[in-house]
PDB file of N, CA and C in Angstrom:
ATOM      1  N   MET A   1       0.550  -0.601  -0.043  1.00  0.00           N
ATOM      2  CA  MET A   1      -0.039  -0.095  -0.094  1.00  0.00           C
ATOM      3  C   MET A   1       1.076   1.189   0.164  1.00  0.00           C
ATOM      4  N   PRO A   2       0.581   2.285  -1.293  1.00  0.00           N
ATOM      5  CA  PRO A   2       2.005   3.550  -0.995  1.00  0.00           C
ATOM      6  C   PRO A   2       1.305   4.258   0.624  1.00  0.00           C
ATOM      7  N   GLU A   3       2.496   4.641   0.340  1.00  0.00           N
ATOM      8  CA  GLU A   3       2.051   6.021   1.667  1.00  0.00           C
ATOM      9  C   GLU A   3       1.504   7.311   1.245  1.00  0.00           C
ATOM     10  N   ARG A   4       0.496   8.274   1.714  1.00  0.00           N
ATOM     11  CA  ARG A   4      -0.129   9.181   1.403  1.00  0.00           C
ATOM     12  C   ARG A   4       0.816  10.387   1.862  1.00  0.00           C
ATOM     13  N   PRO A   5       0.536  10.854   1.128  1.00  0.00           N
ATOM     14  CA  PRO A   5       1.759  12.552   0.873  1.00  0.00           C
ATOM     15  C   PRO A   5       1.032  13.533   1.943  1.00  0.00           C
ATOM     16  N   ARG A   6       1.196  13.339   3.367  1.00  0.00           N
ATOM     17  CA  ARG A   6       0.717  13.920   3.644  1.00  0.00           C
ATOM     18  C   ARG A   6       1.531  15.375   4.270  1.00  0.00           C
ATOM     19  N   ARG A   7       2.906  15.319   4.333  1.00  0.00           N
ATOM     20  CA  ARG A   7       3.747  16.397   3.978  1.00  0.00           C
ATOM     21  C   ARG A   7       3.049  17.450   3.235  1.00  0.00           C
ATOM     22  N   ALA A   8       2.893  16.747   2.149  1.00  0.00           N
ATOM     23  CA  ALA A   8       2.391  17.606   1.228  1.00  0.00           C
ATOM     24  C   ALA A   8       0.949  17.973   0.794  1.00  0.00           C
ATOM     25  N   VAL A   9       0.319  17.473   1.466  1.00  0.00           N
ATOM     26  CA  VAL A   9      -1.200  17.908   2.194  1.00  0.00           C
ATOM     27  C   VAL A   9      -1.116  18.909   3.211  1.00  0.00           C
ATOM     28  N   ALA A  10      -0.662  18.742   3.827  1.00  0.00           N
ATOM     29  CA  ALA A  10      -0.080  19.400   5.015  1.00  0.00           C
ATOM     30  C   ALA A  10       0.018  20.971   4.286  1.00  0.00           C
ATOM     31  N   ALA A  11       1.599  21.008   3.457  1.00  0.00           N
ATOM     32  CA  ALA A  11       1.785  22.024   3.234  1.00  0.00           C
ATOM     33  C   ALA A  11       0.907  22.709   2.743  1.00  0.00           C
ATOM     34  N   LEU A  12       0.075  22.487   1.504  1.00  0.00           N
ATOM     35  CA  LEU A  12      -0.861  22.651   0.704  1.00  0.00           C
ATOM     36  C   LEU A  12      -1.718  23.644   1.661  1.00  0.00           C
ATOM     37  N   GLY A  13      -2.560  22.806   2.575  1.00  0.00           N
ATOM     38  CA  GLY A  13      -3.554  23.248   3.591  1.00  0.00           C
ATOM     39  C   GLY A  13      -2.743  24.773   3.967  1.00  0.00           C
ATOM     40  N   LEU A  14      -1.854  24.414   4.954  1.00  0.00           N
ATOM     41  CA  LEU A  14      -1.383  25.549   5.738  1.00  0.00           C
ATOM     42  C   LEU A  14      -1.083  26.794   4.496  1.00  0.00           C
ATOM     43  N   ALA A  15      -0.286  26.351   3.204  1.00  0.00           N
ATOM     44  CA  ALA A  15      -0.172  27.502   2.609  1.00  0.00           C
ATOM     45  C   ALA A  15      -1.023  27.659   1.969  1.00  0.00           C
ATOM     46  N   LEU A  16      -2.735  27.481   1.828  1.00  0.00           N
ATOM     47  CA  LEU A  16      -4.031  28.450   1.365  1.00  0.00           C
ATOM     48  C   LEU A  16      -4.302  29.249   2.785  1.00  0.00           C
ATOM     49  N   ALA A  17      -4.120  28.411   4.018  1.00  0.00           N
ATOM     50  CA  ALA A  17      -4.588  29.449   4.980  1.00  0.00           C
ATOM     51  C   ALA A  17      -3.770  30.767   5.256  1.00  0.00           C
ATOM     52  N   ALA A  18      -2.404  29.985   5.021  1.00  0.00           N
ATOM     53  CA  ALA A  18      -2.031  31.675   5.122  1.00  0.00           C
ATOM     54  C   ALA A  18      -2.168  32.764   3.754  1.00  0.00           C
ATOM     55  N   LEU A  19      -2.767  31.882   2.317  1.00  0.00           N
ATOM     56  CA  LEU A  19      -3.131  32.915   1.496  1.00  0.00           C
ATOM     57  C   LEU A  19      -4.400  33.591   2.132  1.00  0.00           C
ATOM     58  N   LEU A  20      -5.037  33.244   2.386  1.00  0.00           N
ATOM     59  CA  LEU A  20      -6.374  33.719   3.429  1.00  0.00           C
ATOM     60  C   LEU A  20      -6.351  35.101   4.106  1.00  0.00           C
ATOM     61  N   ALA A  21      -4.821  34.411   4.925  1.00  0.00           N
ATOM     62  CA  ALA A  21      -4.818  35.384   6.706  1.00  0.00           C
ATOM     63  C   ALA A  21      -3.855  36.329   5.657  1.00  0.00           C
ATOM     64  N   CYS A  22      -3.395  36.275   5.216  1.00  0.00           N
ATOM     65  CA  CYS A  22      -1.990  37.583   4.440  1.00  0.00           C
ATOM     66  C   CYS A  22      -2.450  39.104   4.000  1.00  0.00           C
ATOM     67  N   TRP A  23      -3.879  39.092   3.967  1.00  0.00           N
ATOM     68  CA  TRP A  23      -4.384  40.456   3.393  1.00  0.00           C
ATOM     69  C   TRP A  23      -4.992  40.979   4.525  1.00  0.00           C
ATOM     70  N   SER A  24      -5.258  40.700   5.516  1.00  0.00           N
ATOM     71  CA  SER A  24      -5.973  41.550   6.433  1.00  0.00           C
ATOM     72  C   SER A  24      -4.869  41.957   7.899  1.00  0.00           C
ATOM     73  N   PRO A  25      -4.580  43.378   7.844  1.00  0.00           N
ATOM     74  CA  PRO A  25      -3.791  43.573   8.932  1.00  0.00           C
ATOM     75  C   PRO A  25      -3.620  42.884  10.319  1.00  0.00           C
ATOM     76  N   LEU A  26      -5.091  42.453  10.630  1.00  0.00           N
ATOM     77  CA  LEU A  26      -4.925  42.167  12.105  1.00  0.00           C
ATOM     78  C   LEU A  26      -4.668  40.475  12.201  1.00  0.00           C
ATOM     79  N   ALA A  27      -5.210  39.483  10.610  1.00  0.00           N
ATOM     80  CA  ALA A  27      -4.193  38.110  10.240  1.00  0.00           C
ATOM     81  C   ALA A  27      -3.351  37.782   9.626  1.00  0.00           C
ATOM     82  N   ALA A  28      -2.545  39.105   9.412  1.00  0.00           N
ATOM     83  CA  ALA A  28      -1.160  38.841   8.521  1.00  0.00           C
ATOM     84  C   ALA A  28      -0.096  38.564   9.290  1.00  0.00           C
ATOM     85  N   PRO A  29      -0.024  38.615  10.701  1.00  0.00           N
ATOM     86  CA  PRO A  29       0.976  37.937  11.110  1.00  0.00           C
ATOM     87  C   PRO A  29       0.865  36.809  11.739  1.00  0.00           C
ATOM     88  N   PHE A  30      -0.861  36.057  11.800  1.00  0.00           N
ATOM     89  CA  PHE A  30      -0.537  34.451  11.642  1.00  0.00           C
ATOM     90  C   PHE A  30      -0.620  33.798   9.877  1.00  0.00           C
ATOM     91  N   GLY A  31      -0.815  34.749   9.253  1.00  0.00           N
ATOM     92  CA  GLY A  31      -0.322  34.313   7.973  1.00  0.00           C
ATOM     93  C   GLY A  31       1.002  34.433   7.296  1.00  0.00           C
ATOM     94  N   LEU A  32       1.492  34.988   8.183  1.00  0.00           N
ATOM     95  CA  LEU A  32       3.050  35.079   7.893  1.00  0.00           C
ATOM     96  C   LEU A  32       4.072  33.968   8.800  1.00  0.00           C
ATOM     97  N   LEU A  33       3.454  33.746   9.723  1.00  0.00           N
ATOM     98  CA  LEU A  33       4.054  32.649  10.930  1.00  0.00           C
ATOM     99  C   LEU A  33       3.071  30.809  10.188  1.00  0.00           C
ATOM    100  N   THR A  34       1.985  31.411   9.710  1.00  0.00           N
ATOM    101  CA  THR A  34       1.792  30.013   8.686  1.00  0.00           C
ATOM    102  C   THR A  34       1.811  29.881   7.521  1.00  0.00           C
ATOM    103  N   GLY A  35       2.580  31.015   6.381  1.00  0.00           N
ATOM    104  CA  GLY A  35       3.276  30.661   5.503  1.00  0.00           C
ATOM    105  C   GLY A  35       4.812  30.263   5.273  1.00  0.00           C
ATOM    106  N   MET A  36       5.262  30.692   6.682  1.00  0.00           N
ATOM    107  CA  MET A  36       7.225  29.629   6.953  1.00  0.00           C
ATOM    108  C   MET A  36       6.636  28.493   7.242  1.00  0.00           C
ATOM    109  N   GLY A  37       5.583  27.801   8.252  1.00  0.00           N
ATOM    110  CA  GLY A  37       5.304  26.792   8.219  1.00  0.00           C
ATOM    111  C   GLY A  37       5.377  26.092   7.072  1.00  0.00           C
ATOM    112  N   ALA A  38       4.302  26.123   6.330  1.00  0.00           N
ATOM    113  CA  ALA A  38       4.103  25.829   5.081  1.00  0.00           C
ATOM    114  C   ALA A  38       5.171  25.486   4.077  1.00  0.00           C
ATOM    115  N   ALA A  39       5.866  27.139   4.048  1.00  0.00           N
ATOM    116  CA  ALA A  39       6.900  26.832   3.203  1.00  0.00           C
ATOM    117  C   ALA A  39       8.313  25.466   4.077  1.00  0.00           C
ATOM    118  N   LEU A  40       8.558  25.750   5.030  1.00  0.00           N
ATOM    119  CA  LEU A  40       9.173  24.111   5.309  1.00  0.00           C
ATOM    120  C   LEU A  40       8.795  23.150   5.227  1.00  0.00           C
ATOM    121  N   LEU A  41       6.919  22.666   5.367  1.00  0.00           N
ATOM    122  CA  LEU A  41       6.853  21.878   5.091  1.00  0.00           C
ATOM    123  C   LEU A  41       6.918  21.022   3.476  1.00  0.00           C
ATOM    124  N   ALA A  42       6.652  22.172   2.990  1.00  0.00           N
ATOM    125  CA  ALA A  42       6.380  21.695   1.945  1.00  0.00           C
ATOM    126  C   ALA A  42       8.292  21.561   0.945  1.00  0.00           C
ATOM    127  N   VAL A  43       9.392  22.490   1.340  1.00  0.00           N
ATOM    128  CA  VAL A  43      10.422  22.176   1.462  1.00  0.00           C
ATOM    129  C   VAL A  43      10.728  20.502   1.243  1.00  0.00           C
ATOM    130  N   LEU A  44      10.425  19.548   2.716  1.00  0.00           N
ATOM    131  CA  LEU A  44      10.471  18.547   3.500  1.00  0.00           C
ATOM    132  C   LEU A  44       9.607  17.815   2.357  1.00  0.00           C
ATOM    133  N   ALA A  45       8.655  18.432   2.038  1.00  0.00           N
ATOM    134  CA  ALA A  45       8.169  17.227   0.967  1.00  0.00           C
ATOM    135  C   ALA A  45       8.373  17.260  -0.191  1.00  0.00           C
ATOM    136  N   LEU A  46       9.206  18.165  -0.747  1.00  0.00           N
ATOM    137  CA  LEU A  46       9.579  18.364  -1.986  1.00  0.00           C
ATOM    138  C   LEU A  46      11.249  17.358  -2.230  1.00  0.00           C
ATOM    139  N   ARG A  47      11.817  17.399  -1.078  1.00  0.00           N
ATOM    140  CA  ARG A  47      12.594  16.540  -1.245  1.00  0.00           C
ATOM    141  C   ARG A  47      12.309  14.721  -1.248  1.00  0.00           C
ATOM    142  N   ALA A  48      11.123  14.429  -0.557  1.00  0.00           N
ATOM    143  CA  ALA A  48      11.104  13.854  -0.436  1.00  0.00           C
ATOM    144  C   ALA A  48      10.358  12.771  -2.274  1.00  0.00           C
ATOM    145  N   GLY A  49      10.074  13.884  -2.306  1.00  0.00           N
ATOM    146  CA  GLY A  49       9.533  14.028  -4.230  1.00  0.00           C
ATOM    147  C   GLY A  49       8.027  13.692  -3.858  1.00  0.00           C
ATOM    148  N   ARG A  50       7.204  14.085  -3.135  1.00  0.00           N
ATOM    149  CA  ARG A  50       5.568  14.426  -2.876  1.00  0.00           C
ATOM    150  C   ARG A  50       5.192  15.022  -4.154  1.00  0.00           C
ATOM    151  N   ARG A  51       3.994  15.099  -4.831  1.00  0.00           N
ATOM    152  CA  ARG A  51       3.785  15.360  -5.857  1.00  0.00           C
ATOM    153  C   ARG A  51       2.637  16.614  -4.904  1.00  0.00           C
ATOM    154  N   GLY A  52       2.598  18.138  -5.476  1.00  0.00           N
ATOM    155  CA  GLY A  52       1.811  19.039  -4.970  1.00  0.00           C
ATOM    156  C   GLY A  52       2.835  19.649  -4.253  1.00  0.00           C
ATOM    157  N   ALA A  53       4.219  19.449  -3.772  1.00  0.00           N
ATOM    158  CA  ALA A  53       5.060  19.852  -2.692  1.00  0.00           C
ATOM    159  C   ALA A  53       5.613  21.550  -3.723  1.00  0.00           C
ATOM    160  N   ARG A  54       5.481  21.677  -4.946  1.00  0.00           N
ATOM    161  CA  ARG A  54       5.631  22.893  -5.410  1.00  0.00           C
ATOM    162  C   ARG A  54       5.016  23.726  -5.623  1.00  0.00           C
ATOM    163  N   LEU A  55       3.897  23.811  -5.928  1.00  0.00           N
ATOM    164  CA  LEU A  55       2.906  24.179  -5.658  1.00  0.00           C
ATOM    165  C   LEU A  55       2.512  24.744  -4.324  1.00  0.00           C
ATOM    166  N   ALA A  56       2.609  24.193  -3.345  1.00  0.00           N
ATOM    167  CA  ALA A  56       2.871  24.277  -1.478  1.00  0.00           C
ATOM    168  C   ALA A  56       3.645  25.139  -1.565  1.00  0.00           C
ATOM    169  N   LEU A  57       4.819  25.161  -1.980  1.00  0.00           N
ATOM    170  CA  LEU A  57       6.181  26.269  -1.704  1.00  0.00           C
ATOM    171  C   LEU A  57       5.614  27.005  -2.442  1.00  0.00           C
ATOM    172  N   GLY A  58       5.288  27.321  -3.608  1.00  0.00           N
ATOM    173  CA  GLY A  58       4.789  28.776  -4.308  1.00  0.00           C
ATOM    174  C   GLY A  58       3.648  29.625  -3.564  1.00  0.00           C
ATOM    175  N   LEU A  59       3.003  28.491  -3.197  1.00  0.00           N
ATOM    176  CA  LEU A  59       1.458  29.278  -2.183  1.00  0.00           C
ATOM    177  C   LEU A  59       1.998  30.326  -1.011  1.00  0.00           C
ATOM    178  N   ALA A  60       2.688  28.911  -0.687  1.00  0.00           N
ATOM    179  CA  ALA A  60       3.555  29.432   0.758  1.00  0.00           C
ATOM    180  C   ALA A  60       4.491  30.615   0.904  1.00  0.00           C
ATOM    181  N   LEU A  61       5.158  30.653  -0.227  1.00  0.00           N
ATOM    182  CA  LEU A  61       6.178  32.152  -0.433  1.00  0.00           C
ATOM    183  C   LEU A  61       4.949  33.497  -0.608  1.00  0.00           C
ATOM    184  N   VAL A  62       4.289  32.707  -1.785  1.00  0.00           N
ATOM    185  CA  VAL A  62       3.615  34.068  -1.841  1.00  0.00           C
ATOM    186  C   VAL A  62       2.797  34.857  -0.938  1.00  0.00           C
ATOM    187  N   ALA A  63       2.523  34.301  -0.093  1.00  0.00           N
ATOM    188  CA  ALA A  63       1.830  34.137   1.301  1.00  0.00           C
ATOM    189  C   ALA A  63       2.736  35.022   2.598  1.00  0.00           C
ATOM    190  N   THR A  64       3.933  34.173   2.482  1.00  0.00           N
ATOM    191  CA  THR A  64       4.821  34.280   3.662  1.00  0.00           C
ATOM    192  C   THR A  64       5.245  36.240   2.815  1.00  0.00           C
ATOM    193  N   VAL A  65       5.233  36.419   2.273  1.00  0.00           N
ATOM    194  CA  VAL A  65       6.148  37.867   1.367  1.00  0.00           C
ATOM    195  C   VAL A  65       4.860  38.900   1.425  1.00  0.00           C
ATOM    196  N   GLY A  66       3.885  38.382   1.045  1.00  0.00           N
ATOM    197  CA  GLY A  66       2.373  38.729   0.863  1.00  0.00           C
ATOM    198  C   GLY A  66       2.420  39.882   2.717  1.00  0.00           C
ATOM    199  N   ALA A  67       1.984  38.634   3.677  1.00  0.00           N
ATOM    200  CA  ALA A  67       2.065  39.134   4.927  1.00  0.00           C
ATOM    201  C   ALA A  67       3.234  39.910   5.573  1.00  0.00           C
ATOM    202  N   GLY A  68       4.248  39.616   5.196  1.00  0.00           N
ATOM    203  CA  GLY A  68       5.008  40.376   5.357  1.00  0.00           C
ATOM    204  C   GLY A  68       5.260  42.042   5.222  1.00  0.00           C
ATOM    205  N   TRP A  69       4.686  42.033   4.010  1.00  0.00           N
ATOM    206  CA  TRP A  69       4.569  43.423   3.576  1.00  0.00           C
ATOM    207  C   TRP A  69       3.173  44.283   4.385  1.00  0.00           C
ATOM    208  N   VAL A  70       1.967  43.183   4.504  1.00  0.00           N
ATOM    209  CA  VAL A  70       0.989  43.906   4.903  1.00  0.00           C
ATOM    210  C   VAL A  70       1.475  44.630   6.309  1.00  0.00           C
ATOM    211  N   VAL A  71       1.952  43.712   6.762  1.00  0.00           N
ATOM    212  CA  VAL A  71       2.605  43.638   8.698  1.00  0.00           C
ATOM    213  C   VAL A  71       3.683  45.039   8.637  1.00  0.00           C
ATOM    214  N   ALA A  72       4.606  45.115   7.346  1.00  0.00           N
ATOM    215  CA  ALA A  72       5.303  45.846   7.714  1.00  0.00           C
ATOM    216  C   ALA A  72       4.815  47.431   7.158  1.00  0.00           C
ATOM    217  N   ARG A  73       3.616  47.357   6.336  1.00  0.00           N
ATOM    218  CA  ARG A  73       2.709  48.854   5.990  1.00  0.00           C
ATOM    219  C   ARG A  73       1.951  49.402   7.211  1.00  0.00           C
ATOM    220  N   THR A  74       1.447  48.261   7.856  1.00  0.00           N
ATOM    221  CA  THR A  74       0.744  47.937   9.438  1.00  0.00           C
ATOM    222  C   THR A  74       1.357  49.448  10.472  1.00  0.00           C
ATOM    223  N   ALA A  75       2.861  48.576  10.603  1.00  0.00           N
ATOM    224  CA  ALA A  75       3.532  48.827  11.683  1.00  0.00           C
ATOM    225  C   ALA A  75       4.243  50.853  11.047  1.00  0.00           C
ATOM    226  N   GLY A  76       4.320  51.085   9.814  1.00  0.00           N
ATOM    227  CA  GLY A  76       4.634  52.400   9.238  1.00  0.00           C
ATOM    228  C   GLY A  76       5.951  52.173   8.690  1.00  0.00           C
ATOM    229  N   VAL A  77       6.534  51.181   8.123  1.00  0.00           N
ATOM    230  CA  VAL A  77       7.650  51.131   7.681  1.00  0.00           C
ATOM    231  C   VAL A  77       7.764  51.604   6.141  1.00  0.00           C
ATOM    232  N   GLY A  78       8.032  52.437   5.350  1.00  0.00           N
ATOM    233  CA  GLY A  78       8.160  53.081   4.297  1.00  0.00           C
ATOM    234  C   GLY A  78       7.808  54.549   4.161  1.00  0.00           C
ATOM    235  N   ARG A  79       6.982  55.077   5.465  1.00  0.00           N
ATOM    236  CA  ARG A  79       6.284  56.062   5.803  1.00  0.00           C
ATOM    237  C   ARG A  79       7.400  57.120   6.273  1.00  0.00           C
ATOM    238  N   ASP A  80       7.457  58.618   5.570  1.00  0.00           N
ATOM    239  CA  ASP A  80       7.856  59.339   6.294  1.00  0.00           C
ATOM    240  C   ASP A  80       7.548  60.358   8.096  1.00  0.00           C
ATOM    241  N   PRO A  81       7.974  60.458   8.514  1.00  0.00           N
ATOM    242  CA  PRO A  81       7.406  60.597   9.916  1.00  0.00           C
ATOM    243  C   PRO A  81       6.484  62.221   9.541  1.00  0.00           C
ATOM    244  N   GLY A  82       7.016  62.932   8.431  1.00  0.00           N
ATOM    245  CA  GLY A  82       5.733  63.904   8.232  1.00  0.00           C
ATOM    246  C   GLY A  82       5.002  63.508   7.576  1.00  0.00           C
ATOM    247  N   ASP A  83       4.605  62.494   7.059  1.00  0.00           N
ATOM    248  CA  ASP A  83       3.234  61.973   6.196  1.00  0.00           C
ATOM    249  C   ASP A  83       1.989  62.644   7.205  1.00  0.00           C
ATOM    250  N   ALA A  84       1.064  62.564   6.791  1.00  0.00           N
ATOM    251  CA  ALA A  84      -0.438  62.976   6.932  1.00  0.00           C
ATOM    252  C   ALA A  84      -0.706  61.256   7.442  1.00  0.00           C
ATOM    253  N   PRO A  85      -1.336  61.200   8.888  1.00  0.00           N
ATOM    254  CA  PRO A  85      -1.575  60.211   9.572  1.00  0.00           C
ATOM    255  C   PRO A  85      -2.654  59.450   8.778  1.00  0.00           C
ATOM    256  N   GLN A  86      -2.787  58.049   8.744  1.00  0.00           N
ATOM    257  CA  GLN A  86      -3.845  57.182   8.204  1.00  0.00           C
ATOM    258  C   GLN A  86      -5.276  57.284   8.466  1.00  0.00           C
ATOM    259  N   VAL A  87      -5.376  58.088   9.978  1.00  0.00           N
ATOM    260  CA  VAL A  87      -6.266  58.113  10.643  1.00  0.00           C
ATOM    261  C   VAL A  87      -6.127  59.307  11.236  1.00  0.00           C
ATOM    262  N   PRO A  88      -6.803  60.494  10.974  1.00  0.00           N
ATOM    263  CA  PRO A  88      -6.805  62.046  11.446  1.00  0.00           C
ATOM    264  C   PRO A  88      -7.720  62.154  12.941  1.00  0.00           C
ATOM    265  N   SER A  89      -6.336  62.554  13.762  1.00  0.00           N
ATOM    266  CA  SER A  89      -6.520  62.989  14.832  1.00  0.00           C
ATOM    267  C   SER A  89      -6.877  64.497  15.127  1.00  0.00           C
ATOM    268  N   ALA A  90      -7.979  64.550  16.180  1.00  0.00           N
ATOM    269  CA  ALA A  90      -8.305  66.146  16.397  1.00  0.00           C
ATOM    270  C   ALA A  90      -7.206  66.703  17.388  1.00  0.00           C
ATOM    271  N   GLY A  91      -6.691  68.189  17.126  1.00  0.00           N
ATOM    272  CA  GLY A  91      -5.980  68.911  17.852  1.00  0.00           C
ATOM    273  C   GLY A  91      -6.164  68.756  19.330  1.00  0.00           C
ATOM    274  N   GLU A  92      -4.746  69.199  19.383  1.00  0.00           N
ATOM    275  CA  GLU A  92      -4.880  69.744  21.572  1.00  0.00           C
ATOM    276  C   GLU A  92      -5.856  70.355  21.797  1.00  0.00           C
ATOM    277  N   ARG A  93      -6.072  71.975  20.934  1.00  0.00           N
ATOM    278  CA  ARG A  93      -6.779  72.773  21.382  1.00  0.00           C
ATOM    279  C   ARG A  93      -8.331  72.569  20.960  1.00  0.00           C
ATOM    280  N   GLU A  94      -8.796  71.317  20.071  1.00  0.00           N
ATOM    281  CA  GLU A  94     -10.107  70.865  19.549  1.00  0.00           C
ATOM    282  C   GLU A  94     -10.071  69.572  20.752  1.00  0.00           C
ATOM    283  N   THR A  95      -9.688  68.886  21.632  1.00  0.00           N
ATOM    284  CA  THR A  95      -9.717  68.679  21.976  1.00  0.00           C
ATOM    285  C   THR A  95      -9.917  68.981  23.683  1.00  0.00           C
ATOM    286  N   ALA A  96      -9.092  70.219  23.737  1.00  0.00           N
ATOM    287  CA  ALA A  96      -9.252  71.050  25.274  1.00  0.00           C
ATOM    288  C   ALA A  96     -10.647  71.601  24.872  1.00  0.00           C
ATOM    289  N   ARG A  97     -11.118  71.895  23.983  1.00  0.00           N
ATOM    290  CA  ARG A  97     -12.295  72.754  23.799  1.00  0.00           C
ATOM    291  C   ARG A  97     -13.358  72.058  23.864  1.00  0.00           C
ATOM    292  N   LYS A  98     -13.368  70.571  23.947  1.00  0.00           N
ATOM    293  CA  LYS A  98     -14.465  70.067  23.828  1.00  0.00           C
ATOM    294  C   LYS A  98     -15.050  69.307  25.393  1.00  0.00           C
ATOM    295  N   LEU A  99     -13.530  68.923  25.766  1.00  0.00           N
ATOM    296  CA  LEU A  99     -13.649  68.737  27.196  1.00  0.00           C
ATOM    297  C   LEU A  99     -13.721  69.803  28.220  1.00  0.00           C
ATOM    298  N   ASP A 100     -13.525  71.429  28.065  1.00  0.00           N
ATOM    299  CA  ASP A 100     -14.114  72.415  28.427  1.00  0.00           C
ATOM    300  C   ASP A 100     -15.776  72.307  28.765  1.00  0.00           C
ATOM    301  N   ALA A 101     -15.895  72.499  27.359  1.00  0.00           N
ATOM    302  CA  ALA A 101     -17.439  71.914  26.857  1.00  0.00           C
ATOM    303  C   ALA A 101     -18.398  70.727  27.943  1.00  0.00           C
ATOM    304  N   ALA A 102     -17.803  69.864  27.930  1.00  0.00           N
ATOM    305  CA  ALA A 102     -18.365  69.310  28.415  1.00  0.00           C
ATOM    306  C   ALA A 102     -17.936  69.185  30.433  1.00  0.00           C
ATOM    307  N   ALA A 103     -16.751  70.111  30.700  1.00  0.00           N
ATOM    308  CA  ALA A 103     -17.252  69.596  31.992  1.00  0.00           C
ATOM    309  C   ALA A 103     -18.237  71.137  32.757  1.00  0.00           C
ATOM    310  N   GLY A 104     -18.427  72.047  31.811  1.00  0.00           N
ATOM    311  CA  GLY A 104     -19.273  72.856  32.023  1.00  0.00           C
ATOM    312  C   GLY A 104     -20.384  72.409  32.293  1.00  0.00           C
ATOM    313  N   GLU A 105     -21.246  71.888  31.194  1.00  0.00           N
ATOM    314  CA  GLU A 105     -22.152  70.727  31.311  1.00  0.00           C
ATOM    315  C   GLU A 105     -22.515  70.125  32.363  1.00  0.00           C
ATOM    316  N   SER A 106     -21.858  69.450  32.805  1.00  0.00           N
ATOM    317  CA  SER A 106     -21.877  68.423  34.220  1.00  0.00           C
ATOM    318  C   SER A 106     -21.337  69.107  35.315  1.00  0.00           C
ATOM    319  N   ARG A 107     -21.046  70.563  35.164  1.00  0.00           N
ATOM    320  CA  ARG A 107     -20.549  71.275  36.996  1.00  0.00           C
ATOM    321  C   ARG A 107     -21.520  70.816  37.799  1.00  0.00           C
ATOM    322  N   SER A 108     -23.101  71.265  37.754  1.00  0.00           N
ATOM    323  CA  SER A 108     -23.906  71.175  38.335  1.00  0.00           C
ATOM    324  C   SER A 108     -24.124  69.849  38.837  1.00  0.00           C
ATOM    325  N   GLU A 109     -23.935  68.824  38.357  1.00  0.00           N
ATOM    326  CA  GLU A 109     -23.954  67.443  39.038  1.00  0.00           C
ATOM    327  C   GLU A 109     -23.619  66.907  39.419  1.00  0.00           C
ATOM    328  N   ARG A 110     -21.945  67.585  39.560  1.00  0.00           N
ATOM    329  CA  ARG A 110     -20.927  67.152  39.985  1.00  0.00           C
ATOM    330  C   ARG A 110     -20.709  67.950  41.340  1.00  0.00           C
ATOM    331  N   GLN A 111     -21.254  68.937  41.600  1.00  0.00           N
ATOM    332  CA  GLN A 111     -21.147  69.438  42.591  1.00  0.00           C
ATOM    333  C   GLN A 111     -22.072  69.302  43.606  1.00  0.00           C
ATOM    334  N   ARG A 112     -23.246  68.970  43.349  1.00  0.00           N
ATOM    335  CA  ARG A 112     -24.160  67.960  43.875  1.00  0.00           C
ATOM    336  C   ARG A 112     -23.592  66.830  44.309  1.00  0.00           C
ATOM    337  N   ALA A 113     -23.252  65.846  43.582  1.00  0.00           N
ATOM    338  CA  ALA A 113     -22.908  64.879  43.897  1.00  0.00           C
ATOM    339  C   ALA A 113     -21.661  64.597  44.654  1.00  0.00           C
ATOM    340  N   GLY A 114     -21.011  66.037  45.005  1.00  0.00           N
ATOM    341  CA  GLY A 114     -19.771  66.139  45.874  1.00  0.00           C
ATOM    342  C   GLY A 114     -20.112  66.391  47.271  1.00  0.00           C
ATOM    343  N   ALA A 115     -21.530  67.721  47.541  1.00  0.00           N
ATOM    344  CA  ALA A 115     -21.933  67.664  48.290  1.00  0.00           C
ATOM    345  C   ALA A 115     -22.685  66.873  49.095  1.00  0.00           C
ATOM    346  N   GLN A 116     -23.561  65.332  48.266  1.00  0.00           N
ATOM    347  CA  GLN A 116     -24.713  64.663  49.062  1.00  0.00           C
ATOM    348  C   GLN A 116     -23.306  63.403  49.123  1.00  0.00           C
ATOM    349  N   ALA A 117     -22.198  63.514  48.841  1.00  0.00           N
ATOM    350  CA  ALA A 117     -20.891  62.196  49.255  1.00  0.00           C
ATOM    351  C   ALA A 117     -20.106  63.131  50.444  1.00  0.00           C
ATOM    352  N   GLU A 118     -19.878  64.518  50.778  1.00  0.00           N
ATOM    353  CA  GLU A 118     -19.425  64.516  51.858  1.00  0.00           C
ATOM    354  C   GLU A 118     -20.126  63.933  53.461  1.00  0.00           C
ATOM    355  N   PRO A 119     -19.170  63.851  54.247  1.00  0.00           N
ATOM    356  CA  PRO A 119     -19.571  62.972  55.674  1.00  0.00           C
ATOM    357  C   PRO A 119     -21.154  63.908  56.150  1.00  0.00           C
ATOM    358  N   GLY A 120     -21.881  63.588  56.601  1.00  0.00           N
ATOM    359  CA  GLY A 120     -22.991  64.468  57.358  1.00  0.00           C
ATOM    360  C   GLY A 120     -23.784  65.288  55.946  1.00  0.00           C
ATOM    361  N   GLY A 121     -23.525  64.655  54.559  1.00  0.00           N
ATOM    362  CA  GLY A 121     -24.647  65.303  53.635  1.00  0.00           C
ATOM    363  C   GLY A 121     -25.890  64.504  53.781  1.00  0.00           C
ATOM    364  N   ASP A 122     -26.643  64.781  53.005  1.00  0.00           N
ATOM    365  CA  ASP A 122     -28.373  64.395  52.896  1.00  0.00           C
ATOM    366  C   ASP A 122     -28.221  63.683  51.836  1.00  0.00           C
ATOM    367  N   ALA A 123     -28.270  62.358  51.835  1.00  0.00           N
ATOM    368  CA  ALA A 123     -27.893  61.728  50.145  1.00  0.00           C
ATOM    369  C   ALA A 123     -29.512  61.745  49.740  1.00  0.00           C
ATOM    370  N   ASN A 124     -30.530  62.293  50.553  1.00  0.00           N
ATOM    371  CA  ASN A 124     -31.640  62.434  49.431  1.00  0.00           C
ATOM    372  C   ASN A 124     -32.042  64.349  49.500  1.00  0.00           C
ATOM    373  N   GLN A 125     -31.877  64.838  49.612  1.00  0.00           N
ATOM    374  CA  GLN A 125     -31.267  66.087  49.225  1.00  0.00           C
ATOM    375  C   GLN A 125     -31.627  66.431  47.681  1.00  0.00           C
ATOM    376  N   ARG A 126     -32.069  67.405  47.515  1.00  0.00           N
ATOM    377  CA  ARG A 126     -32.424  67.516  45.989  1.00  0.00           C
ATOM    378  C   ARG A 126     -32.407  69.181  46.046  1.00  0.00           C
ATOM    379  N   ASN A 127     -31.671  69.139  44.877  1.00  0.00           N
ATOM    380  CA  ASN A 127     -31.485  70.739  44.299  1.00  0.00           C
ATOM    381  C   ASN A 127     -31.728  71.460  43.446  1.00  0.00           C
TER     382      ASN A 127
END
C-alpha cells in the first residue's frame, strides 16, 4: 500500500490558510507564521518527491511575502514621519475645547454629587 503524501497535503493546506490570512492587517502575523511553516513542510515534502509540494511551496512563499508586506506597512515602514496620518485625529486645542464644554455641562451635577458624598451630607437632598 503506497504511503499517502501527508506532508505535501499539510503544506498545501497551510499555504492556503496563509493566503487567506495574509491580506488583513489583523490576521497578517498569523499568515506570516503559517506561510513560513507551510514553506518548511513543502521543502521537506519536495525532498521526498511528493506531488503538490512545488505548488505548496509557491503558495507559501507568496503568502509569506504578502503577509510580511502587510505587517510592515501596518507598522509604518516606508512612511515618512511628516506624512499625514492614516486616521486623522483632533488637535490639542480642539480636544481641550470639547473637554471644557463637557465639564461646563456637568458642573452642577458634579457639585451636587460632591455635596452628597461629604460626611453628614443628606443623600436624599434635591437641588
